[in-house]
Amino acid sequence: MISEKMNAAFNKQIKDEMYSSNLYLSMVAYFEEIGLKGFANWMRVQVQEENAHAMGLFDYLISRDGRVIIDAIDKPAFEWACALDCFEAVYKHEQHVTSLINGLIDVAEAEKDRAAVSFLQWYLKEQVEEEANCSEICAKLKLIGDDKHALLLIDQELATRTYVAPTIA
């Protein structure tokens, strides 16, 4: 059985993961609109990952006899100045999600819920990877500046990303 406080914290994180999914879906639309299909592909994979993250939390909560409560999700942004602006928003968002996961672990530790602490370690590791991936793409976009040819090369690179379903602890 999971504590009420832990249950509420998991429900909030499920909502936050679904917001992330919607944010990245909005970015898919942005990149499709400006003709960067590789960037759109990268974001489509992000959408799938965020949905998987939410479902991992959802399933964990159910496995602990918790109660899942689906809450309304805020409308995400839908306009960015350029690819770099968009990816800087992604990087900032992933840093925010890392802070949310850390907060969830804080609740688990305060509740002495060792099972939740153990489960959430996968999410923390995933966030380190997410931040690193976004940081790398931001660095490349900063490096190329206004070079459209280089932007198209990055677009080709991002088009190769494929979704691999995570094995959540």
C-alpha atoms as a PDB file:
ATOM      1  CA  MET A   1       0.000   0.000   0.000  1.00  0.00           C
ATOM      2  CA  ILE A   2       1.236   3.462  -0.840  1.00  0.00           C
ATOM      3  CA  SER A   3       0.767   6.482   1.441  1.00  0.00           C
ATOM      4  CA  GLU A   4      -1.696   9.221   0.516  1.00  0.00           C
ATOM      5  CA  LYS A   5       1.140  11.734   0.199  1.00  0.00           C
ATOM      6  CA  MET A   6       3.126   9.439  -2.095  1.00  0.00           C
ATOM      7  CA  ASN A   7      -0.011   8.656  -4.106  1.00  0.00           C
ATOM      8  CA  ALA A   8      -0.690  12.364  -4.651  1.00  0.00           C
ATOM      9  CA  ALA A   9       2.935  12.973  -5.657  1.00  0.00           C
ATOM     10  CA  PHE A  10       2.806  10.159  -8.229  1.00  0.00           C
ATOM     11  CA  ASN A  11      -0.448  11.522  -9.666  1.00  0.00           C
ATOM     12  CA  LYS A  12       1.139  14.949 -10.035  1.00  0.00           C
ATOM     13  CA  GLN A  13       4.138  13.438 -11.822  1.00  0.00           C
ATOM     14  CA  ILE A  14       1.872  11.505 -14.187  1.00  0.00           C
ATOM     15  CA  LYS A  15       0.206  14.814 -15.070  1.00  0.00           C
ATOM     16  CA  ASP A  16       3.619  16.473 -15.534  1.00  0.00           C
ATOM     17  CA  GLU A  17       4.814  13.670 -17.829  1.00  0.00           C
ATOM     18  CA  MET A  18       1.657  14.040 -19.929  1.00  0.00           C
ATOM     19  CA  TYR A  19       2.285  17.785 -20.116  1.00  0.00           C
ATOM     20  CA  SER A  20       5.783  16.980 -21.412  1.00  0.00           C
ATOM     21  CA  SER A  21       4.245  14.723 -24.043  1.00  0.00           C
ATOM     22  CA  ASN A  22       1.899  17.512 -25.162  1.00  0.00           C
ATOM     23  CA  LEU A  23       4.726  20.054 -25.190  1.00  0.00           C
ATOM     24  CA  TYR A  24       6.806  17.829 -27.448  1.00  0.00           C
ATOM     25  CA  LEU A  25       3.800  17.128 -29.660  1.00  0.00           C
ATOM     26  CA  SER A  26       3.413  20.884 -30.038  1.00  0.00           C
ATOM     27  CA  MET A  27       7.078  21.012 -31.064  1.00  0.00           C
ATOM     28  CA  VAL A  28       6.458  18.267 -33.637  1.00  0.00           C
ATOM     29  CA  ALA A  29       3.855  20.534 -35.207  1.00  0.00           C
ATOM     30  CA  TYR A  30       6.245  23.502 -35.131  1.00  0.00           C
ATOM     31  CA  PHE A  31       9.049  21.598 -36.851  1.00  0.00           C
ATOM     32  CA  GLU A  32       6.676  20.095 -39.428  1.00  0.00           C
ATOM     33  CA  GLU A  33       5.396  23.587 -40.177  1.00  0.00           C
ATOM     34  CA  ILE A  34       8.896  24.954 -40.859  1.00  0.00           C
ATOM     35  CA  GLY A  35       9.943  21.918 -42.898  1.00  0.00           C
ATOM     36  CA  LEU A  36      12.424  20.298 -40.513  1.00  0.00           C
ATOM     37  CA  LYS A  37      11.101  16.751 -40.589  1.00  0.00           C
ATOM     38  CA  GLY A  38      14.163  15.305 -38.846  1.00  0.00           C
ATOM     39  CA  PHE A  39      13.644  17.628 -35.899  1.00  0.00           C
ATOM     40  CA  ALA A  40       9.949  16.682 -35.951  1.00  0.00           C
ATOM     41  CA  ASN A  41      10.947  13.009 -35.876  1.00  0.00           C
ATOM     42  CA  TRP A  42      13.188  13.598 -32.852  1.00  0.00           C
ATOM     43  CA  MET A  43      10.262  15.231 -31.064  1.00  0.00           C
ATOM     44  CA  ARG A  44       7.880  12.420 -32.051  1.00  0.00           C
ATOM     45  CA  VAL A  45      10.211   9.996 -30.307  1.00  0.00           C
ATOM     46  CA  GLN A  46      10.171  12.322 -27.268  1.00  0.00           C
ATOM     47  CA  VAL A  47       6.370  12.190 -27.263  1.00  0.00           C
ATOM     48  CA  GLN A  48       6.487   8.395 -27.173  1.00  0.00           C
ATOM     49  CA  GLU A  49       9.074   8.421 -24.397  1.00  0.00           C
ATOM     50  CA  GLU A  50       7.066  10.831 -22.247  1.00  0.00           C
ATOM     51  CA  ASN A  51       3.936   8.728 -22.711  1.00  0.00           C
ATOM     52  CA  ALA A  52       5.918   5.658 -21.635  1.00  0.00           C
ATOM     53  CA  HIS A  53       7.226   7.532 -18.593  1.00  0.00           C
ATOM     54  CA  ALA A  54       3.691   8.507 -17.595  1.00  0.00           C
ATOM     55  CA  MET A  55       2.447   4.953 -18.063  1.00  0.00           C
ATOM     56  CA  GLY A  56       5.344   3.573 -16.022  1.00  0.00           C
ATOM     57  CA  LEU A  57       4.321   5.801 -13.129  1.00  0.00           C
ATOM     58  CA  PHE A  58       0.656   4.931 -13.727  1.00  0.00           C
ATOM     59  CA  ASP A  59       1.346   1.177 -13.633  1.00  0.00           C
ATOM     60  CA  TYR A  60       3.583   1.495 -10.585  1.00  0.00           C
ATOM     61  CA  LEU A  61       0.906   3.384  -8.686  1.00  0.00           C
ATOM     62  CA  ILE A  62      -1.668   0.706  -9.531  1.00  0.00           C
ATOM     63  CA  SER A  63       0.757  -2.060  -8.522  1.00  0.00           C
ATOM     64  CA  ARG A  64       1.045  -0.425  -5.089  1.00  0.00           C
ATOM     65  CA  ASP A  65      -2.757  -0.312  -4.677  1.00  0.00           C
ATOM     66  CA  GLY A  66      -2.713   3.421  -5.275  1.00  0.00           C
ATOM     67  CA  ARG A  67      -5.437   5.447  -6.907  1.00  0.00           C
ATOM     68  CA  VAL A  68      -4.717   7.091 -10.234  1.00  0.00           C
ATOM     69  CA  ILE A  69      -6.496  10.396 -10.722  1.00  0.00           C
ATOM     70  CA  ILE A  70      -6.204  11.937 -14.159  1.00  0.00           C
ATOM     71  CA  ASP A  71      -6.033  15.716 -13.944  1.00  0.00           C
ATOM     72  CA  ALA A  72      -6.295  18.441 -16.603  1.00  0.00           C
ATOM     73  CA  ILE A  73      -3.114  19.232 -18.492  1.00  0.00           C
ATOM     74  CA  ASP A  74      -2.095  22.824 -19.197  1.00  0.00           C
ATOM     75  CA  LYS A  75      -1.837  24.033 -22.788  1.00  0.00           C
ATOM     76  CA  PRO A  76       1.799  23.941 -23.952  1.00  0.00           C
ATOM     77  CA  ALA A  77       3.640  26.638 -25.877  1.00  0.00           C
ATOM     78  CA  PHE A  78       3.354  26.367 -29.647  1.00  0.00           C
ATOM     79  CA  GLU A  79       5.647  29.030 -31.110  1.00  0.00           C
ATOM     80  CA  TRP A  80       9.411  29.379 -31.126  1.00  0.00           C
ATOM     81  CA  ALA A  81      11.730  31.764 -32.966  1.00  0.00           C
ATOM     82  CA  CYS A  82      13.962  29.047 -34.442  1.00  0.00           C
ATOM     83  CA  ALA A  83      15.237  25.498 -33.896  1.00  0.00           C
ATOM     84  CA  LEU A  84      17.730  26.682 -31.266  1.00  0.00           C
ATOM     85  CA  ASP A  85      15.037  28.574 -29.369  1.00  0.00           C
ATOM     86  CA  CYS A  86      12.904  25.448 -29.374  1.00  0.00           C
ATOM     87  CA  PHE A  87      15.706  23.170 -28.188  1.00  0.00           C
ATOM     88  CA  GLU A  88      16.715  25.626 -25.479  1.00  0.00           C
ATOM     89  CA  ALA A  89      13.104  25.373 -24.280  1.00  0.00           C
ATOM     90  CA  VAL A  90      13.421  21.567 -24.343  1.00  0.00           C
ATOM     91  CA  TYR A  91      16.632  21.702 -22.320  1.00  0.00           C
ATOM     92  CA  LYS A  92      15.093  24.051 -19.758  1.00  0.00           C
ATOM     93  CA  HIS A  93      12.011  21.839 -19.557  1.00  0.00           C
ATOM     94  CA  GLU A  94      14.081  18.689 -19.021  1.00  0.00           C
ATOM     95  CA  GLN A  95      15.974  20.441 -16.212  1.00  0.00           C
ATOM     96  CA  HIS A  96      12.597  21.262 -14.678  1.00  0.00           C
ATOM     97  CA  VAL A  97      11.487  17.633 -14.990  1.00  0.00           C
ATOM     98  CA  THR A  98      14.702  16.552 -13.272  1.00  0.00           C
ATOM     99  CA  SER A  99      13.818  18.839 -10.361  1.00  0.00           C
ATOM    100  CA  LEU A 100      10.329  17.281 -10.271  1.00  0.00           C
ATOM    101  CA  ILE A 101      11.778  13.761 -10.134  1.00  0.00           C
ATOM    102  CA  ASN A 102      14.152  14.848  -7.378  1.00  0.00           C
ATOM    103  CA  GLY A 103      11.154  16.259  -5.500  1.00  0.00           C
ATOM    104  CA  LEU A 104       9.282  12.987  -5.942  1.00  0.00           C
ATOM    105  CA  ILE A 105      12.281  11.118  -4.533  1.00  0.00           C
ATOM    106  CA  ASP A 106      12.335  13.577  -1.623  1.00  0.00           C
ATOM    107  CA  VAL A 107       8.711  12.676  -0.859  1.00  0.00           C
ATOM    108  CA  ALA A 108       9.510   8.963  -1.096  1.00  0.00           C
ATOM    109  CA  GLU A 109      12.441   9.378   1.285  1.00  0.00           C
ATOM    110  CA  ALA A 110      10.356  11.411   3.746  1.00  0.00           C
ATOM    111  CA  GLU A 111       7.641   8.746   3.614  1.00  0.00           C
ATOM    112  CA  LYS A 112      10.312   6.045   4.067  1.00  0.00           C
ATOM    113  CA  ASP A 113       8.974   4.402   0.917  1.00  0.00           C
ATOM    114  CA  ARG A 114      12.066   2.488  -0.140  1.00  0.00           C
ATOM    115  CA  ALA A 115      10.249   0.730  -2.976  1.00  0.00           C
ATOM    116  CA  ALA A 116       9.355   4.091  -4.525  1.00  0.00           C
ATOM    117  CA  VAL A 117      12.904   5.395  -4.022  1.00  0.00           C
ATOM    118  CA  SER A 118      14.243   2.317  -5.819  1.00  0.00           C
ATOM    119  CA  PHE A 119      11.678   2.601  -8.632  1.00  0.00           C
ATOM    120  CA  LEU A 120      12.399   6.301  -9.176  1.00  0.00           C
ATOM    121  CA  GLN A 121      16.141   5.760  -9.646  1.00  0.00           C
ATOM    122  CA  TRP A 122      15.411   4.714 -13.239  1.00  0.00           C
ATOM    123  CA  TYR A 123      13.653   8.023 -13.844  1.00  0.00           C
ATOM    124  CA  LEU A 124      16.542   9.975 -12.386  1.00  0.00           C
ATOM    125  CA  LYS A 125      19.022   8.159 -14.631  1.00  0.00           C
ATOM    126  CA  GLU A 126      16.744   8.813 -17.606  1.00  0.00           C
ATOM    127  CA  GLN A 127      16.719  12.536 -16.804  1.00  0.00           C
ATOM    128  CA  VAL A 128      20.513  12.680 -16.836  1.00  0.00           C
ATOM    129  CA  GLU A 129      20.399  11.210 -20.358  1.00  0.00           C
ATOM    130  CA  GLU A 130      17.590  13.554 -21.456  1.00  0.00           C
ATOM    131  CA  GLU A 131      19.478  16.635 -20.307  1.00  0.00           C
ATOM    132  CA  ALA A 132      22.702  15.473 -21.959  1.00  0.00           C
ATOM    133  CA  ASN A 133      20.950  14.817 -25.286  1.00  0.00           C
ATOM    134  CA  CYS A 134      19.290  18.241 -25.283  1.00  0.00           C
ATOM    135  CA  SER A 135      22.485  19.998 -24.260  1.00  0.00           C
ATOM    136  CA  GLU A 136      24.370  18.342 -27.122  1.00  0.00           C
ATOM    137  CA  ILE A 137      21.790  19.406 -29.706  1.00  0.00           C
ATOM    138  CA  CYS A 138      21.743  22.963 -28.315  1.00  0.00           C
ATOM    139  CA  ALA A 139      25.544  23.104 -28.557  1.00  0.00           C
ATOM    140  CA  LYS A 140      25.444  21.985 -32.195  1.00  0.00           C
ATOM    141  CA  LEU A 141      22.756  24.543 -33.045  1.00  0.00           C
ATOM    142  CA  LYS A 142      24.763  27.305 -31.370  1.00  0.00           C
ATOM    143  CA  LEU A 143      27.884  26.217 -33.228  1.00  0.00           C
ATOM    144  CA  ILE A 144      26.262  26.418 -36.650  1.00  0.00           C
ATOM    145  CA  GLY A 145      24.624  29.792 -36.091  1.00  0.00           C
ATOM    146  CA  ASP A 146      22.667  30.806 -39.198  1.00  0.00           C
ATOM    147  CA  ASP A 147      24.243  28.193 -41.492  1.00  0.00           C
ATOM    148  CA  LYS A 148      21.196  26.640 -43.221  1.00  0.00           C
ATOM    149  CA  HIS A 149      23.250  23.852 -44.807  1.00  0.00           C
ATOM    150  CA  ALA A 150      24.519  22.762 -41.398  1.00  0.00           C
ATOM    151  CA  LEU A 151      20.967  22.972 -40.030  1.00  0.00           C
ATOM    152  CA  LEU A 152      19.822  20.565 -42.732  1.00  0.00           C
ATOM    153  CA  LEU A 153      22.656  18.171 -41.822  1.00  0.00           C
ATOM    154  CA  ILE A 154      21.506  18.192 -38.208  1.00  0.00           C
ATOM    155  CA  ASP A 155      17.948  17.649 -39.470  1.00  0.00           C
ATOM    156  CA  GLN A 156      19.147  14.549 -41.336  1.00  0.00           C
ATOM    157  CA  GLU A 157      20.905  13.301 -38.211  1.00  0.00           C
ATOM    158  CA  LEU A 158      17.801  13.770 -36.040  1.00  0.00           C
ATOM    159  CA  ALA A 159      15.688  11.946 -38.622  1.00  0.00           C
ATOM    160  CA  THR A 160      17.532   8.712 -37.753  1.00  0.00           C
ATOM    161  CA  ARG A 161      16.301   8.627 -34.149  1.00  0.00           C
ATOM    162  CA  THR A 162      13.977   5.719 -33.443  1.00  0.00           C
ATOM    163  CA  TYR A 163      11.817   4.918 -30.458  1.00  0.00           C
ATOM    164  CA  VAL A 164      12.940   2.113 -28.213  1.00  0.00           C
ATOM    165  CA  ALA A 165      10.430   1.232 -25.526  1.00  0.00           C
ATOM    166  CA  PRO A 166      12.044   1.716 -22.122  1.00  0.00           C
ATOM    167  CA  THR A 167      12.406  -1.013 -19.580  1.00  0.00           C
ATOM    168  CA  ILE A 168      11.236   0.918 -16.557  1.00  0.00           C
ATOM    169  CA  ALA A 169      12.357  -0.690 -13.314  1.00  0.00           C
END
